Amino acid sequence: LAWQALRSGGALAVSSKRTSQPGWKIAWRGALINILNPKLSVFFLALLPPFLSGNPASATLEMSVLGLVFMVMTFAIFVLYGLFAAQARTYLLNSERVLKWLNRGFAAVFAGLAARLAMERA
């Protein structure tokens, strides 16, 4: 893996070639990742109930409102992450020097992992 990362055009090489995917496909994949994430369920079931009023008649409405507030805040943060990532991607992929160092960095990480694995006792 380290050798492939060093070679230009290897399987793990970072390149500036653009691949196009429809926006709905990207959004669908992101939604599935979040829906299937067990941490989200644990958050809602374990950490939100202490913030409820304790009235069983309004518990569903309160959980829905708190969940909606959480989703709006999360959406805003993810939009900021996306904007930052787009800017960082543009900067990184437009610099041949940065791409070369990214590939070297990947190669160094893989070589280090291989050395550690080689030093472990069976």
PDB file of N, CA and C in Angstrom:
ATOM      1  N   LEU A   1       0.826  -1.197   0.000  1.00  0.00           N
ATOM      2  CA  LEU A   1       0.000   0.000   0.000  1.00  0.00           C
ATOM      3  C   LEU A   1       0.868   1.258   0.000  1.00  0.00           C
ATOM      4  N   ALA A   2       1.969   1.208   0.751  1.00  0.00           N
ATOM      5  CA  ALA A   2       2.861   2.369   0.786  1.00  0.00           C
ATOM      6  C   ALA A   2       3.446   2.620  -0.604  1.00  0.00           C
ATOM      7  N   TRP A   3       3.843   1.557  -1.289  1.00  0.00           N
ATOM      8  CA  TRP A   3       4.422   1.716  -2.618  1.00  0.00           C
ATOM      9  C   TRP A   3       3.381   2.262  -3.592  1.00  0.00           C
ATOM     10  N   GLN A   4       2.141   1.781  -3.501  1.00  0.00           N
ATOM     11  CA  GLN A   4       1.084   2.285  -4.372  1.00  0.00           C
ATOM     12  C   GLN A   4       0.798   3.754  -4.098  1.00  0.00           C
ATOM     13  N   ALA A   5       0.872   4.154  -2.848  1.00  0.00           N
ATOM     14  CA  ALA A   5       0.625   5.554  -2.511  1.00  0.00           C
ATOM     15  C   ALA A   5       1.722   6.448  -3.073  1.00  0.00           C
ATOM     16  N   LEU A   6       2.951   5.944  -3.147  1.00  0.00           N
ATOM     17  CA  LEU A   6       4.055   6.740  -3.686  1.00  0.00           C
ATOM     18  C   LEU A   6       3.992   6.861  -5.206  1.00  0.00           C
ATOM     19  N   ARG A   7       3.573   5.783  -5.859  1.00  0.00           N
ATOM     20  CA  ARG A   7       3.490   5.813  -7.323  1.00  0.00           C
ATOM     21  C   ARG A   7       2.426   6.796  -7.752  1.00  0.00           C
ATOM     22  N   SER A   8       2.704   7.538  -8.794  1.00  0.00           N
ATOM     23  CA  SER A   8       1.663   8.424  -9.313  1.00  0.00           C
ATOM     24  C   SER A   8       0.641   7.559 -10.028  1.00  0.00           C
ATOM     25  N   GLY A   9      -0.608   7.774  -9.719  1.00  0.00           N
ATOM     26  CA  GLY A   9      -1.663   6.988 -10.326  1.00  0.00           C
ATOM     27  C   GLY A   9      -1.949   5.692  -9.605  1.00  0.00           C
ATOM     28  N   GLY A  10      -1.364   5.474  -8.426  1.00  0.00           N
ATOM     29  CA  GLY A  10      -1.650   4.273  -7.655  1.00  0.00           C
ATOM     30  C   GLY A  10      -3.090   4.280  -7.170  1.00  0.00           C
ATOM     31  N   ALA A  11      -3.516   3.195  -6.576  1.00  0.00           N
ATOM     32  CA  ALA A  11      -4.906   3.053  -6.142  1.00  0.00           C
ATOM     33  C   ALA A  11      -5.290   4.085  -5.082  1.00  0.00           C
ATOM     34  N   LEU A  12      -4.327   4.524  -4.285  1.00  0.00           N
ATOM     35  CA  LEU A  12      -4.629   5.475  -3.214  1.00  0.00           C
ATOM     36  C   LEU A  12      -4.165   6.888  -3.529  1.00  0.00           C
ATOM     37  N   ALA A  13      -3.760   7.134  -4.740  1.00  0.00           N
ATOM     38  CA  ALA A  13      -3.235   8.451  -5.092  1.00  0.00           C
ATOM     39  C   ALA A  13      -4.336   9.503  -5.071  1.00  0.00           C
ATOM     40  N   VAL A  14      -4.000  10.659  -4.551  1.00  0.00           N
ATOM     41  CA  VAL A  14      -4.913  11.789  -4.556  1.00  0.00           C
ATOM     42  C   VAL A  14      -4.703  12.523  -5.860  1.00  0.00           C
ATOM     43  N   SER A  15      -5.793  12.771  -6.584  1.00  0.00           N
ATOM     44  CA  SER A  15      -5.659  13.483  -7.855  1.00  0.00           C
ATOM     45  C   SER A  15      -6.743  14.540  -7.956  1.00  0.00           C
ATOM     46  N   SER A  16      -6.567  15.441  -8.899  1.00  0.00           N
ATOM     47  CA  SER A  16      -7.517  16.539  -9.055  1.00  0.00           C
ATOM     48  C   SER A  16      -8.628  16.221 -10.046  1.00  0.00           C
ATOM     49  N   LYS A  17      -8.701  14.976 -10.520  1.00  0.00           N
ATOM     50  CA  LYS A  17      -9.777  14.609 -11.439  1.00  0.00           C
ATOM     51  C   LYS A  17     -11.112  14.696 -10.716  1.00  0.00           C
ATOM     52  N   ARG A  18     -12.080  15.280 -11.374  1.00  0.00           N
ATOM     53  CA  ARG A  18     -13.406  15.441 -10.787  1.00  0.00           C
ATOM     54  C   ARG A  18     -14.311  14.305 -11.240  1.00  0.00           C
ATOM     55  N   THR A  19     -15.070  13.779 -10.312  1.00  0.00           N
ATOM     56  CA  THR A  19     -16.117  12.833 -10.654  1.00  0.00           C
ATOM     57  C   THR A  19     -17.441  13.486 -10.303  1.00  0.00           C
ATOM     58  N   SER A  20     -18.414  13.280 -11.136  1.00  0.00           N
ATOM     59  CA  SER A  20     -19.696  13.941 -10.937  1.00  0.00           C
ATOM     60  C   SER A  20     -20.746  12.942 -10.479  1.00  0.00           C
ATOM     61  N   GLN A  21     -21.462  13.301  -9.433  1.00  0.00           N
ATOM     62  CA  GLN A  21     -22.587  12.518  -8.945  1.00  0.00           C
ATOM     63  C   GLN A  21     -23.761  13.465  -8.754  1.00  0.00           C
ATOM     64  N   PRO A  22     -24.963  12.975  -8.998  1.00  0.00           N
ATOM     65  CA  PRO A  22     -26.131  13.841  -8.779  1.00  0.00           C
ATOM     66  C   PRO A  22     -26.260  14.231  -7.306  1.00  0.00           C
ATOM     67  N   GLY A  23     -26.748  15.426  -7.058  1.00  0.00           N
ATOM     68  CA  GLY A  23     -26.898  15.914  -5.688  1.00  0.00           C
ATOM     69  C   GLY A  23     -27.804  15.044  -4.846  1.00  0.00           C
ATOM     70  N   TRP A  24     -28.869  14.502  -5.446  1.00  0.00           N
ATOM     71  CA  TRP A  24     -29.796  13.673  -4.680  1.00  0.00           C
ATOM     72  C   TRP A  24     -29.117  12.403  -4.192  1.00  0.00           C
ATOM     73  N   LYS A  25     -28.190  11.873  -4.988  1.00  0.00           N
ATOM     74  CA  LYS A  25     -27.498  10.647  -4.599  1.00  0.00           C
ATOM     75  C   LYS A  25     -26.581  10.905  -3.401  1.00  0.00           C
ATOM     76  N   ILE A  26     -25.899  12.031  -3.413  1.00  0.00           N
ATOM     77  CA  ILE A  26     -25.038  12.407  -2.299  1.00  0.00           C
ATOM     78  C   ILE A  26     -25.876  12.647  -1.040  1.00  0.00           C
ATOM     79  N   ALA A  27     -27.009  13.359  -1.204  1.00  0.00           N
ATOM     80  CA  ALA A  27     -27.887  13.634  -0.066  1.00  0.00           C
ATOM     81  C   ALA A  27     -28.478  12.342   0.490  1.00  0.00           C
ATOM     82  N   TRP A  28     -28.858  11.414  -0.368  1.00  0.00           N
ATOM     83  CA  TRP A  28     -29.420  10.138   0.071  1.00  0.00           C
ATOM     84  C   TRP A  28     -28.403   9.341   0.882  1.00  0.00           C
ATOM     85  N   ARG A  29     -27.166   9.301   0.390  1.00  0.00           N
ATOM     86  CA  ARG A  29     -26.117   8.580   1.106  1.00  0.00           C
ATOM     87  C   ARG A  29     -25.865   9.216   2.482  1.00  0.00           C
ATOM     88  N   GLY A  30     -25.819  10.534   2.538  1.00  0.00           N
ATOM     89  CA  GLY A  30     -25.627  11.227   3.814  1.00  0.00           C
ATOM     90  C   GLY A  30     -26.769  10.979   4.776  1.00  0.00           C
ATOM     91  N   ALA A  31     -28.006  10.981   4.261  1.00  0.00           N
ATOM     92  CA  ALA A  31     -29.170  10.720   5.114  1.00  0.00           C
ATOM     93  C   ALA A  31     -29.117   9.295   5.669  1.00  0.00           C
ATOM     94  N   LEU A  32     -28.771   8.330   4.828  1.00  0.00           N
ATOM     95  CA  LEU A  32     -28.677   6.942   5.298  1.00  0.00           C
ATOM     96  C   LEU A  32     -27.600   6.777   6.366  1.00  0.00           C
ATOM     97  N   ILE A  33     -26.478   7.435   6.163  1.00  0.00           N
ATOM     98  CA  ILE A  33     -25.396   7.349   7.154  1.00  0.00           C
ATOM     99  C   ILE A  33     -25.882   7.882   8.497  1.00  0.00           C
ATOM    100  N   ASN A  34     -26.591   9.001   8.490  1.00  0.00           N
ATOM    101  CA  ASN A  34     -27.066   9.577   9.748  1.00  0.00           C
ATOM    102  C   ASN A  34     -28.195   8.766  10.367  1.00  0.00           C
ATOM    103  N   ILE A  35     -29.106   8.241   9.544  1.00  0.00           N
ATOM    104  CA  ILE A  35     -30.226   7.475  10.077  1.00  0.00           C
ATOM    105  C   ILE A  35     -29.736   6.167  10.700  1.00  0.00           C
ATOM    106  N   LEU A  36     -28.763   5.537  10.068  1.00  0.00           N
ATOM    107  CA  LEU A  36     -28.268   4.245  10.554  1.00  0.00           C
ATOM    108  C   LEU A  36     -27.191   4.369  11.635  1.00  0.00           C
ATOM    109  N   ASN A  37     -26.848   5.579  12.012  1.00  0.00           N
ATOM    110  CA  ASN A  37     -25.833   5.807  13.035  1.00  0.00           C
ATOM    111  C   ASN A  37     -26.441   5.555  14.419  1.00  0.00           C
ATOM    112  N   PRO A  38     -25.967   4.558  15.155  1.00  0.00           N
ATOM    113  CA  PRO A  38     -26.571   4.266  16.462  1.00  0.00           C
ATOM    114  C   PRO A  38     -26.332   5.363  17.502  1.00  0.00           C
ATOM    115  N   LYS A  39     -25.309   6.169  17.322  1.00  0.00           N
ATOM    116  CA  LYS A  39     -25.050   7.237  18.295  1.00  0.00           C
ATOM    117  C   LYS A  39     -26.207   8.226  18.341  1.00  0.00           C
ATOM    118  N   LEU A  40     -26.850   8.447  17.211  1.00  0.00           N
ATOM    119  CA  LEU A  40     -27.966   9.389  17.166  1.00  0.00           C
ATOM    120  C   LEU A  40     -29.139   8.869  17.996  1.00  0.00           C
ATOM    121  N   SER A  41     -29.440   7.587  17.875  1.00  0.00           N
ATOM    122  CA  SER A  41     -30.527   6.995  18.664  1.00  0.00           C
ATOM    123  C   SER A  41     -30.203   7.050  20.150  1.00  0.00           C
ATOM    124  N   VAL A  42     -28.965   6.743  20.504  1.00  0.00           N
ATOM    125  CA  VAL A  42     -28.558   6.795  21.908  1.00  0.00           C
ATOM    126  C   VAL A  42     -28.693   8.223  22.438  1.00  0.00           C
ATOM    127  N   PHE A  43     -28.320   9.205  21.631  1.00  0.00           N
ATOM    128  CA  PHE A  43     -28.435  10.601  22.046  1.00  0.00           C
ATOM    129  C   PHE A  43     -29.888  10.945  22.346  1.00  0.00           C
ATOM    130  N   PHE A  44     -30.766  10.628  21.402  1.00  0.00           N
ATOM    131  CA  PHE A  44     -32.170  10.997  21.598  1.00  0.00           C
ATOM    132  C   PHE A  44     -32.817  10.247  22.748  1.00  0.00           C
ATOM    133  N   LEU A  45     -32.495   8.983  22.917  1.00  0.00           N
ATOM    134  CA  LEU A  45     -33.156   8.188  23.947  1.00  0.00           C
ATOM    135  C   LEU A  45     -32.541   8.344  25.331  1.00  0.00           C
ATOM    136  N   ALA A  46     -31.275   8.713  25.407  1.00  0.00           N
ATOM    137  CA  ALA A  46     -30.621   8.793  26.717  1.00  0.00           C
ATOM    138  C   ALA A  46     -30.403  10.222  27.203  1.00  0.00           C
ATOM    139  N   LEU A  47     -30.120  11.132  26.311  1.00  0.00           N
ATOM    140  CA  LEU A  47     -29.732  12.468  26.749  1.00  0.00           C
ATOM    141  C   LEU A  47     -30.836  13.525  26.638  1.00  0.00           C
ATOM    142  N   LEU A  48     -31.815  13.329  25.776  1.00  0.00           N
ATOM    143  CA  LEU A  48     -32.877  14.330  25.671  1.00  0.00           C
ATOM    144  C   LEU A  48     -33.959  14.217  26.762  1.00  0.00           C
ATOM    145  N   PRO A  49     -34.351  13.021  27.218  1.00  0.00           N
ATOM    146  CA  PRO A  49     -35.434  12.933  28.214  1.00  0.00           C
ATOM    147  C   PRO A  49     -35.241  13.775  29.478  1.00  0.00           C
ATOM    148  N   PRO A  50     -34.039  13.945  30.011  1.00  0.00           N
ATOM    149  CA  PRO A  50     -33.938  14.806  31.203  1.00  0.00           C
ATOM    150  C   PRO A  50     -34.356  16.258  30.960  1.00  0.00           C
ATOM    151  N   PHE A  51     -34.424  16.674  29.701  1.00  0.00           N
ATOM    152  CA  PHE A  51     -34.815  18.046  29.391  1.00  0.00           C
ATOM    153  C   PHE A  51     -36.314  18.193  29.179  1.00  0.00           C
ATOM    154  N   LEU A  52     -37.067  17.108  29.323  1.00  0.00           N
ATOM    155  CA  LEU A  52     -38.520  17.166  29.177  1.00  0.00           C
ATOM    156  C   LEU A  52     -39.152  17.642  30.479  1.00  0.00           C
ATOM    157  N   SER A  53     -40.384  18.106  30.382  1.00  0.00           N
ATOM    158  CA  SER A  53     -41.071  18.660  31.554  1.00  0.00           C
ATOM    159  C   SER A  53     -41.503  17.599  32.554  1.00  0.00           C
ATOM    160  N   GLY A  54     -41.631  16.360  32.122  1.00  0.00           N
ATOM    161  CA  GLY A  54     -42.092  15.299  33.010  1.00  0.00           C
ATOM    162  C   GLY A  54     -43.569  15.004  32.842  1.00  0.00           C
ATOM    163  N   ASN A  55     -44.246  15.763  32.010  1.00  0.00           N
ATOM    164  CA  ASN A  55     -45.662  15.547  31.741  1.00  0.00           C
ATOM    165  C   ASN A  55     -45.794  14.530  30.604  1.00  0.00           C
ATOM    166  N   PRO A  56     -46.313  13.327  30.889  1.00  0.00           N
ATOM    167  CA  PRO A  56     -46.411  12.297  29.844  1.00  0.00           C
ATOM    168  C   PRO A  56     -47.285  12.712  28.666  1.00  0.00           C
ATOM    169  N   ALA A  57     -48.255  13.603  28.893  1.00  0.00           N
ATOM    170  CA  ALA A  57     -49.158  14.010  27.815  1.00  0.00           C
ATOM    171  C   ALA A  57     -48.433  14.830  26.746  1.00  0.00           C
ATOM    172  N   SER A  58     -47.392  15.551  27.135  1.00  0.00           N
ATOM    173  CA  SER A  58     -46.699  16.405  26.169  1.00  0.00           C
ATOM    174  C   SER A  58     -45.302  15.891  25.818  1.00  0.00           C
ATOM    175  N   ALA A  59     -44.972  14.675  26.254  1.00  0.00           N
ATOM    176  CA  ALA A  59     -43.619  14.146  26.036  1.00  0.00           C
ATOM    177  C   ALA A  59     -43.305  13.997  24.549  1.00  0.00           C
ATOM    178  N   THR A  60     -44.248  13.505  23.768  1.00  0.00           N
ATOM    179  CA  THR A  60     -44.005  13.312  22.332  1.00  0.00           C
ATOM    180  C   THR A  60     -43.759  14.647  21.642  1.00  0.00           C
ATOM    181  N   LEU A  61     -44.576  15.642  21.969  1.00  0.00           N
ATOM    182  CA  LEU A  61     -44.402  16.960  21.367  1.00  0.00           C
ATOM    183  C   LEU A  61     -43.062  17.576  21.771  1.00  0.00           C
ATOM    184  N   GLU A  62     -42.701  17.455  23.044  1.00  0.00           N
ATOM    185  CA  GLU A  62     -41.433  18.012  23.519  1.00  0.00           C
ATOM    186  C   GLU A  62     -40.242  17.329  22.862  1.00  0.00           C
ATOM    187  N   MET A  63     -40.288  15.992  22.744  1.00  0.00           N
ATOM    188  CA  MET A  63     -39.190  15.271  22.067  1.00  0.00           C
ATOM    189  C   MET A  63     -39.111  15.693  20.603  1.00  0.00           C
ATOM    190  N   SER A  64     -40.259  15.894  19.966  1.00  0.00           N
ATOM    191  CA  SER A  64     -40.269  16.311  18.562  1.00  0.00           C
ATOM    192  C   SER A  64     -39.663  17.702  18.400  1.00  0.00           C
ATOM    193  N   VAL A  65     -40.014  18.607  19.298  1.00  0.00           N
ATOM    194  CA  VAL A  65     -39.470  19.971  19.216  1.00  0.00           C
ATOM    195  C   VAL A  65     -37.964  19.954  19.473  1.00  0.00           C
ATOM    196  N   LEU A  66     -37.540  19.244  20.504  1.00  0.00           N
ATOM    197  CA  LEU A  66     -36.103  19.161  20.785  1.00  0.00           C
ATOM    198  C   LEU A  66     -35.359  18.477  19.637  1.00  0.00           C
ATOM    199  N   GLY A  67     -35.953  17.445  19.060  1.00  0.00           N
ATOM    200  CA  GLY A  67     -35.351  16.779  17.910  1.00  0.00           C
ATOM    201  C   GLY A  67     -35.250  17.712  16.717  1.00  0.00           C
ATOM    202  N   LEU A  68     -36.284  18.512  16.478  1.00  0.00           N
ATOM    203  CA  LEU A  68     -36.265  19.471  15.365  1.00  0.00           C
ATOM    204  C   LEU A  68     -35.184  20.532  15.577  1.00  0.00           C
ATOM    205  N   VAL A  69     -35.071  21.035  16.807  1.00  0.00           N
ATOM    206  CA  VAL A  69     -34.017  22.010  17.113  1.00  0.00           C
ATOM    207  C   VAL A  69     -32.644  21.393  16.870  1.00  0.00           C
ATOM    208  N   PHE A  70     -32.473  20.160  17.304  1.00  0.00           N
ATOM    209  CA  PHE A  70     -31.203  19.460  17.085  1.00  0.00           C
ATOM    210  C   PHE A  70     -30.912  19.314  15.594  1.00  0.00           C
ATOM    211  N   MET A  71     -31.916  18.920  14.815  1.00  0.00           N
ATOM    212  CA  MET A  71     -31.700  18.724  13.374  1.00  0.00           C
ATOM    213  C   MET A  71     -31.378  20.034  12.665  1.00  0.00           C
ATOM    214  N   VAL A  72     -32.031  21.119  13.041  1.00  0.00           N
ATOM    215  CA  VAL A  72     -31.754  22.423  12.417  1.00  0.00           C
ATOM    216  C   VAL A  72     -30.327  22.862  12.738  1.00  0.00           C
ATOM    217  N   MET A  73     -29.931  22.711  14.002  1.00  0.00           N
ATOM    218  CA  MET A  73     -28.565  23.089  14.377  1.00  0.00           C
ATOM    219  C   MET A  73     -27.536  22.211  13.672  1.00  0.00           C
ATOM    220  N   THR A  74     -27.805  20.910  13.587  1.00  0.00           N
ATOM    221  CA  THR A  74     -26.901  19.993  12.911  1.00  0.00           C
ATOM    222  C   THR A  74     -26.805  20.326  11.428  1.00  0.00           C
ATOM    223  N   PHE A  75     -27.934  20.645  10.806  1.00  0.00           N
ATOM    224  CA  PHE A  75     -27.925  21.007   9.392  1.00  0.00           C
ATOM    225  C   PHE A  75     -27.068  22.248   9.156  1.00  0.00           C
ATOM    226  N   ALA A  76     -27.217  23.248  10.016  1.00  0.00           N
ATOM    227  CA  ALA A  76     -26.426  24.475   9.867  1.00  0.00           C
ATOM    228  C   ALA A  76     -24.929  24.175   9.993  1.00  0.00           C
ATOM    229  N   ILE A  77     -24.561  23.365  10.961  1.00  0.00           N
ATOM    230  CA  ILE A  77     -23.152  23.015  11.139  1.00  0.00           C
ATOM    231  C   ILE A  77     -22.633  22.228   9.943  1.00  0.00           C
ATOM    232  N   PHE A  78     -23.444  21.271   9.441  1.00  0.00           N
ATOM    233  CA  PHE A  78     -23.011  20.480   8.281  1.00  0.00           C
ATOM    234  C   PHE A  78     -22.861  21.340   7.035  1.00  0.00           C
ATOM    235  N   VAL A  79     -23.706  22.356   6.881  1.00  0.00           N
ATOM    236  CA  VAL A  79     -23.558  23.275   5.744  1.00  0.00           C
ATOM    237  C   VAL A  79     -22.222  24.006   5.858  1.00  0.00           C
ATOM    238  N   LEU A  80     -21.875  24.453   7.061  1.00  0.00           N
ATOM    239  CA  LEU A  80     -20.588  25.120   7.258  1.00  0.00           C
ATOM    240  C   LEU A  80     -19.430  24.173   6.979  1.00  0.00           C
ATOM    241  N   TYR A  81     -19.538  22.913   7.453  1.00  0.00           N
ATOM    242  CA  TYR A  81     -18.510  21.916   7.151  1.00  0.00           C
ATOM    243  C   TYR A  81     -18.369  21.716   5.649  1.00  0.00           C
ATOM    244  N   GLY A  82     -19.492  21.624   4.966  1.00  0.00           N
ATOM    245  CA  GLY A  82     -19.465  21.418   3.518  1.00  0.00           C
ATOM    246  C   GLY A  82     -18.810  22.574   2.784  1.00  0.00           C
ATOM    247  N   LEU A  83     -19.132  23.796   3.183  1.00  0.00           N
ATOM    248  CA  LEU A  83     -18.514  24.967   2.550  1.00  0.00           C
ATOM    249  C   LEU A  83     -17.010  24.993   2.798  1.00  0.00           C
ATOM    250  N   PHE A  84     -16.612  24.694   4.039  1.00  0.00           N
ATOM    251  CA  PHE A  84     -15.189  24.649   4.353  1.00  0.00           C
ATOM    252  C   PHE A  84     -14.490  23.548   3.567  1.00  0.00           C
ATOM    253  N   ALA A  85     -15.109  22.373   3.497  1.00  0.00           N
ATOM    254  CA  ALA A  85     -14.501  21.247   2.778  1.00  0.00           C
ATOM    255  C   ALA A  85     -14.359  21.563   1.295  1.00  0.00           C
ATOM    256  N   ALA A  86     -15.339  22.241   0.719  1.00  0.00           N
ATOM    257  CA  ALA A  86     -15.252  22.602  -0.698  1.00  0.00           C
ATOM    258  C   ALA A  86     -14.091  23.565  -0.938  1.00  0.00           C
ATOM    259  N   GLN A  87     -13.926  24.532  -0.060  1.00  0.00           N
ATOM    260  CA  GLN A  87     -12.818  25.474  -0.200  1.00  0.00           C
ATOM    261  C   GLN A  87     -11.477  24.779  -0.005  1.00  0.00           C
ATOM    262  N   ALA A  88     -11.394  23.913   1.001  1.00  0.00           N
ATOM    263  CA  ALA A  88     -10.150  23.184   1.255  1.00  0.00           C
ATOM    264  C   ALA A  88      -9.817  22.272   0.089  1.00  0.00           C
ATOM    265  N   ARG A  89     -10.825  21.607  -0.472  1.00  0.00           N
ATOM    266  CA  ARG A  89     -10.608  20.718  -1.621  1.00  0.00           C
ATOM    267  C   ARG A  89     -10.066  21.513  -2.804  1.00  0.00           C
ATOM    268  N   THR A  90     -10.672  22.640  -3.075  1.00  0.00           N
ATOM    269  CA  THR A  90     -10.209  23.468  -4.190  1.00  0.00           C
ATOM    270  C   THR A  90      -8.759  23.886  -3.992  1.00  0.00           C
ATOM    271  N   TYR A  91      -8.425  24.314  -2.788  1.00  0.00           N
ATOM    272  CA  TYR A  91      -7.061  24.741  -2.500  1.00  0.00           C
ATOM    273  C   TYR A  91      -6.079  23.580  -2.646  1.00  0.00           C
ATOM    274  N   LEU A  92      -6.416  22.450  -2.038  1.00  0.00           N
ATOM    275  CA  LEU A  92      -5.501  21.308  -2.034  1.00  0.00           C
ATOM    276  C   LEU A  92      -5.314  20.712  -3.424  1.00  0.00           C
ATOM    277  N   LEU A  93      -6.390  20.566  -4.168  1.00  0.00           N
ATOM    278  CA  LEU A  93      -6.294  19.914  -5.472  1.00  0.00           C
ATOM    279  C   LEU A  93      -5.711  20.816  -6.551  1.00  0.00           C
ATOM    280  N   ASN A  94      -5.656  22.099  -6.305  1.00  0.00           N
ATOM    281  CA  ASN A  94      -5.046  23.002  -7.283  1.00  0.00           C
ATOM    282  C   ASN A  94      -3.545  23.141  -7.085  1.00  0.00           C
ATOM    283  N   SER A  95      -3.011  22.535  -6.046  1.00  0.00           N
ATOM    284  CA  SER A  95      -1.584  22.630  -5.771  1.00  0.00           C
ATOM    285  C   SER A  95      -0.924  21.274  -6.011  1.00  0.00           C
ATOM    286  N   GLU A  96      -0.100  21.192  -7.047  1.00  0.00           N
ATOM    287  CA  GLU A  96       0.606  19.947  -7.358  1.00  0.00           C
ATOM    288  C   GLU A  96       1.547  19.562  -6.216  1.00  0.00           C
ATOM    289  N   ARG A  97       2.135  20.552  -5.592  1.00  0.00           N
ATOM    290  CA  ARG A  97       3.056  20.296  -4.476  1.00  0.00           C
ATOM    291  C   ARG A  97       2.331  19.663  -3.295  1.00  0.00           C
ATOM    292  N   VAL A  98       1.146  20.180  -2.969  1.00  0.00           N
ATOM    293  CA  VAL A  98       0.364  19.632  -1.863  1.00  0.00           C
ATOM    294  C   VAL A  98      -0.061  18.201  -2.173  1.00  0.00           C
ATOM    295  N   LEU A  99      -0.475  17.945  -3.408  1.00  0.00           N
ATOM    296  CA  LEU A  99      -0.872  16.584  -3.791  1.00  0.00           C
ATOM    297  C   LEU A  99       0.281  15.604  -3.641  1.00  0.00           C
ATOM    298  N   LYS A 100       1.476  16.041  -4.039  1.00  0.00           N
ATOM    299  CA  LYS A 100       2.643  15.175  -3.911  1.00  0.00           C
ATOM    300  C   LYS A 100       2.901  14.849  -2.444  1.00  0.00           C
ATOM    301  N   TRP A 101       2.789  15.849  -1.568  1.00  0.00           N
ATOM    302  CA  TRP A 101       3.041  15.623  -0.145  1.00  0.00           C
ATOM    303  C   TRP A 101       1.928  14.802   0.513  1.00  0.00           C
ATOM    304  N   LEU A 102       0.703  14.949   0.040  1.00  0.00           N
ATOM    305  CA  LEU A 102      -0.376  14.103   0.557  1.00  0.00           C
ATOM    306  C   LEU A 102      -0.102  12.638   0.238  1.00  0.00           C
ATOM    307  N   ASN A 103       0.304  12.365  -0.996  1.00  0.00           N
ATOM    308  CA  ASN A 103       0.621  10.988  -1.378  1.00  0.00           C
ATOM    309  C   ASN A 103       1.811  10.457  -0.582  1.00  0.00           C
ATOM    310  N   ARG A 104       2.805  11.284  -0.358  1.00  0.00           N
ATOM    311  CA  ARG A 104       3.946  10.869   0.460  1.00  0.00           C
ATOM    312  C   ARG A 104       3.516  10.609   1.899  1.00  0.00           C
ATOM    313  N   GLY A 105       2.627  11.441   2.404  1.00  0.00           N
ATOM    314  CA  GLY A 105       2.125  11.253   3.766  1.00  0.00           C
ATOM    315  C   GLY A 105       1.372   9.937   3.911  1.00  0.00           C
ATOM    316  N   PHE A 106       0.513   9.621   2.927  1.00  0.00           N
ATOM    317  CA  PHE A 106      -0.186   8.338   2.950  1.00  0.00           C
ATOM    318  C   PHE A 106       0.812   7.187   2.922  1.00  0.00           C
ATOM    319  N   ALA A 107       1.830   7.311   2.093  1.00  0.00           N
ATOM    320  CA  ALA A 107       2.846   6.256   1.997  1.00  0.00           C
ATOM    321  C   ALA A 107       3.566   6.092   3.335  1.00  0.00           C
ATOM    322  N   ALA A 108       3.887   7.193   4.007  1.00  0.00           N
ATOM    323  CA  ALA A 108       4.576   7.121   5.289  1.00  0.00           C
ATOM    324  C   ALA A 108       3.697   6.455   6.351  1.00  0.00           C
ATOM    325  N   VAL A 109       2.424   6.777   6.350  1.00  0.00           N
ATOM    326  CA  VAL A 109       1.509   6.158   7.317  1.00  0.00           C
ATOM    327  C   VAL A 109       1.431   4.658   7.088  1.00  0.00           C
ATOM    328  N   PHE A 110       1.274   4.250   5.834  1.00  0.00           N
ATOM    329  CA  PHE A 110       1.194   2.816   5.539  1.00  0.00           C
ATOM    330  C   PHE A 110       2.505   2.104   5.862  1.00  0.00           C
ATOM    331  N   ALA A 111       3.632   2.737   5.575  1.00  0.00           N
ATOM    332  CA  ALA A 111       4.925   2.125   5.905  1.00  0.00           C
ATOM    333  C   ALA A 111       5.068   2.002   7.419  1.00  0.00           C
ATOM    334  N   GLY A 112       4.643   3.010   8.161  1.00  0.00           N
ATOM    335  CA  GLY A 112       4.698   2.946   9.619  1.00  0.00           C
ATOM    336  C   GLY A 112       3.814   1.843  10.175  1.00  0.00           C
ATOM    337  N   LEU A 113       2.615   1.704   9.628  1.00  0.00           N
ATOM    338  CA  LEU A 113       1.726   0.632  10.069  1.00  0.00           C
ATOM    339  C   LEU A 113       2.319  -0.737   9.751  1.00  0.00           C
ATOM    340  N   ALA A 114       2.952  -0.859   8.588  1.00  0.00           N
ATOM    341  CA  ALA A 114       3.587  -2.127   8.216  1.00  0.00           C
ATOM    342  C   ALA A 114       4.746  -2.436   9.161  1.00  0.00           C
ATOM    343  N   ALA A 115       5.539  -1.428   9.514  1.00  0.00           N
ATOM    344  CA  ALA A 115       6.660  -1.636  10.430  1.00  0.00           C
ATOM    345  C   ALA A 115       6.147  -2.042  11.808  1.00  0.00           C
ATOM    346  N   ARG A 116       5.095  -1.411  12.251  1.00  0.00           N
ATOM    347  CA  ARG A 116       4.532  -1.777  13.556  1.00  0.00           C
ATOM    348  C   ARG A 116       4.004  -3.207  13.540  1.00  0.00           C
ATOM    349  N   LEU A 117       3.327  -3.552  12.472  1.00  0.00           N
ATOM    350  CA  LEU A 117       2.814  -4.918  12.346  1.00  0.00           C
ATOM    351  C   LEU A 117       3.948  -5.930  12.304  1.00  0.00           C
ATOM    352  N   ALA A 118       5.037  -5.582  11.634  1.00  0.00           N
ATOM    353  CA  ALA A 118       6.193  -6.486  11.550  1.00  0.00           C
ATOM    354  C   ALA A 118       6.872  -6.657  12.905  1.00  0.00           C
ATOM    355  N   MET A 119       6.812  -5.649  13.767  1.00  0.00           N
ATOM    356  CA  MET A 119       7.461  -5.716  15.072  1.00  0.00           C
ATOM    357  C   MET A 119       6.620  -6.422  16.129  1.00  0.00           C
ATOM    358  N   GLU A 120       5.340  -6.629  15.873  1.00  0.00           N
ATOM    359  CA  GLU A 120       4.480  -7.285  16.852  1.00  0.00           C
ATOM    360  C   GLU A 120       4.843  -8.768  16.940  1.00  0.00           C
ATOM    361  N   ARG A 121       4.674  -9.280  18.128  1.00  0.00           N
ATOM    362  CA  ARG A 121       4.903 -10.711  18.329  1.00  0.00           C
ATOM    363  C   ARG A 121       3.623 -11.472  18.028  1.00  0.00           C
ATOM    364  N   ALA A 122       3.783 -12.632  17.521  1.00  0.00           N
ATOM    365  CA  ALA A 122       2.609 -13.462  17.182  1.00  0.00           C
ATOM    366  C   ALA A 122       1.983 -14.074  18.393  1.00  0.00           C
TER     367      ALA A 122
END
